[in-house]
Amino acid sequence: MLLKERDTPEGTLVSVCDPDCLGETYENGTVTLEVTEAFYGGDDAESADEDRVVESLMGANTANLVGEECVSVAVEAGIIDEDRVLEVGETVHAQLLWLR
């Protein structure tokens, strides 16, 4: 999985995607999801295992996840509610906002 963390004025933003999703565009009716190199990849992104993804999501203020593997990791860890996962085209997407 590709993991990217960045500090914003609102706190830590984490983006995670499955490597095969990078560069793809998914559509479902009026919803379009672009998995761009700028947001999910680039030199600041790291290859991460399940433990690293969970650690990063637990420290995030907000997060965006795209792909079956990374979303499943977050669901299994109890971070994302499975009923809130969106199907967009051939992939899944979840967003996280911790209210702290």
Protein backbone atom coordinates (compact mmCIF):
# COMPACT_ATOMS: atom_id res chain seq x y z
CA MET A 1 0.00 0.00 0.00
CA LEU A 2 1.14 3.55 -0.65
CA LEU A 3 0.96 5.87 2.34
CA LYS A 4 1.44 9.61 2.42
CA GLU A 5 1.27 11.88 5.47
CA ARG A 6 1.20 15.66 5.42
CA ASP A 7 0.72 18.37 7.97
CA THR A 8 -2.04 20.87 7.24
CA PRO A 9 -3.45 23.78 9.26
CA GLU A 10 -6.28 21.40 10.26
CA GLY A 11 -3.92 18.62 11.39
CA THR A 12 -2.40 15.53 9.83
CA LEU A 13 -3.86 14.40 6.50
CA VAL A 14 -3.17 10.79 5.51
CA SER A 15 -3.75 9.32 2.06
CA VAL A 16 -3.52 5.59 1.40
CA CYS A 17 -4.09 3.67 -1.80
CA ASP A 18 -3.45 0.26 -3.24
CA PRO A 19 -0.57 0.53 -5.73
CA ASP A 20 -2.70 -0.70 -8.65
CA CYS A 21 -5.14 2.19 -8.08
CA LEU A 22 -2.51 4.90 -8.55
CA GLY A 23 -3.12 6.86 -11.76
CA GLU A 24 -6.60 5.43 -12.25
CA THR A 25 -9.91 7.27 -12.49
CA TYR A 26 -13.06 5.61 -11.18
CA GLU A 27 -16.63 6.67 -11.89
CA ASN A 28 -20.03 5.84 -10.46
CA GLY A 29 -22.81 7.97 -11.90
CA THR A 30 -21.99 11.57 -11.03
CA VAL A 31 -19.10 10.62 -8.73
CA THR A 32 -15.57 10.66 -10.17
CA LEU A 33 -12.53 9.64 -8.14
CA GLU A 34 -9.07 10.40 -9.51
CA VAL A 35 -6.22 8.62 -7.74
CA THR A 36 -3.47 11.08 -8.62
CA GLU A 37 0.27 10.82 -8.14
CA ALA A 38 0.24 14.26 -6.52
CA PHE A 39 -2.19 13.25 -3.77
CA TYR A 40 -1.46 9.55 -3.21
CA GLY A 41 2.04 9.00 -4.61
CA GLY A 42 5.19 10.93 -5.33
CA ASP A 43 8.48 11.06 -3.49
CA ASP A 44 6.75 11.61 -0.14
CA ALA A 45 4.77 8.36 -0.35
CA GLU A 46 6.06 5.25 1.34
CA SER A 47 5.32 1.60 0.80
CA ALA A 48 3.51 0.50 3.97
CA ASP A 49 2.39 -2.74 5.57
CA GLU A 50 -0.84 -3.20 7.53
CA ASP A 51 0.66 -2.17 10.88
CA ARG A 52 2.10 1.05 9.46
CA VAL A 53 -1.21 1.96 7.78
CA VAL A 54 -3.15 1.44 11.03
CA GLU A 55 -0.56 3.44 13.01
CA SER A 56 -0.79 6.32 10.54
CA LEU A 57 -4.60 6.34 10.45
CA MET A 58 -4.76 6.37 14.25
CA GLY A 59 -2.56 9.49 14.29
CA ALA A 60 -4.41 11.26 11.48
CA ASN A 61 -6.99 14.00 11.77
CA THR A 62 -8.37 13.17 8.32
CA ALA A 63 -7.68 10.43 5.80
CA ASN A 64 -8.62 9.26 2.33
CA LEU A 65 -8.32 5.60 1.33
CA VAL A 66 -8.73 4.00 -2.10
CA GLY A 67 -8.56 0.30 -2.92
CA GLU A 68 -9.74 -3.05 -1.58
CA GLU A 69 -6.60 -3.83 0.44
CA CYS A 70 -6.14 -0.58 2.35
CA VAL A 71 -9.86 -0.12 3.02
CA SER A 72 -10.06 -3.72 4.29
CA VAL A 73 -7.14 -3.06 6.64
CA ALA A 74 -8.94 -0.02 8.08
CA VAL A 75 -12.24 -1.91 8.42
CA GLU A 76 -10.58 -4.90 10.12
CA ALA A 77 -8.81 -2.54 12.55
CA GLY A 78 -12.16 -0.96 13.46
CA ILE A 79 -11.14 2.43 12.09
CA ILE A 80 -13.62 2.54 9.21
CA ASP A 81 -17.22 1.33 9.45
CA GLU A 82 -17.80 -1.17 6.63
CA ASP A 83 -21.29 0.27 6.06
CA ARG A 84 -19.72 3.64 5.20
CA VAL A 85 -17.40 2.36 2.46
CA LEU A 86 -18.31 3.69 -0.99
CA GLU A 87 -18.10 1.66 -4.17
CA VAL A 88 -16.80 3.85 -6.96
CA GLY A 89 -16.50 2.05 -10.27
CA GLU A 90 -14.18 -0.92 -9.87
CA THR A 91 -12.81 0.08 -6.44
CA VAL A 92 -13.79 1.19 -2.96
CA HIS A 93 -13.19 4.50 -1.20
CA ALA A 94 -13.42 5.62 2.42
CA GLN A 95 -12.84 8.89 4.20
CA LEU A 96 -11.96 9.35 7.84
CA LEU A 97 -12.41 12.33 10.13
CA TRP A 98 -11.46 12.05 13.79
CA LEU A 99 -13.21 14.56 16.04
CA ARG A 100 -10.70 15.18 18.80
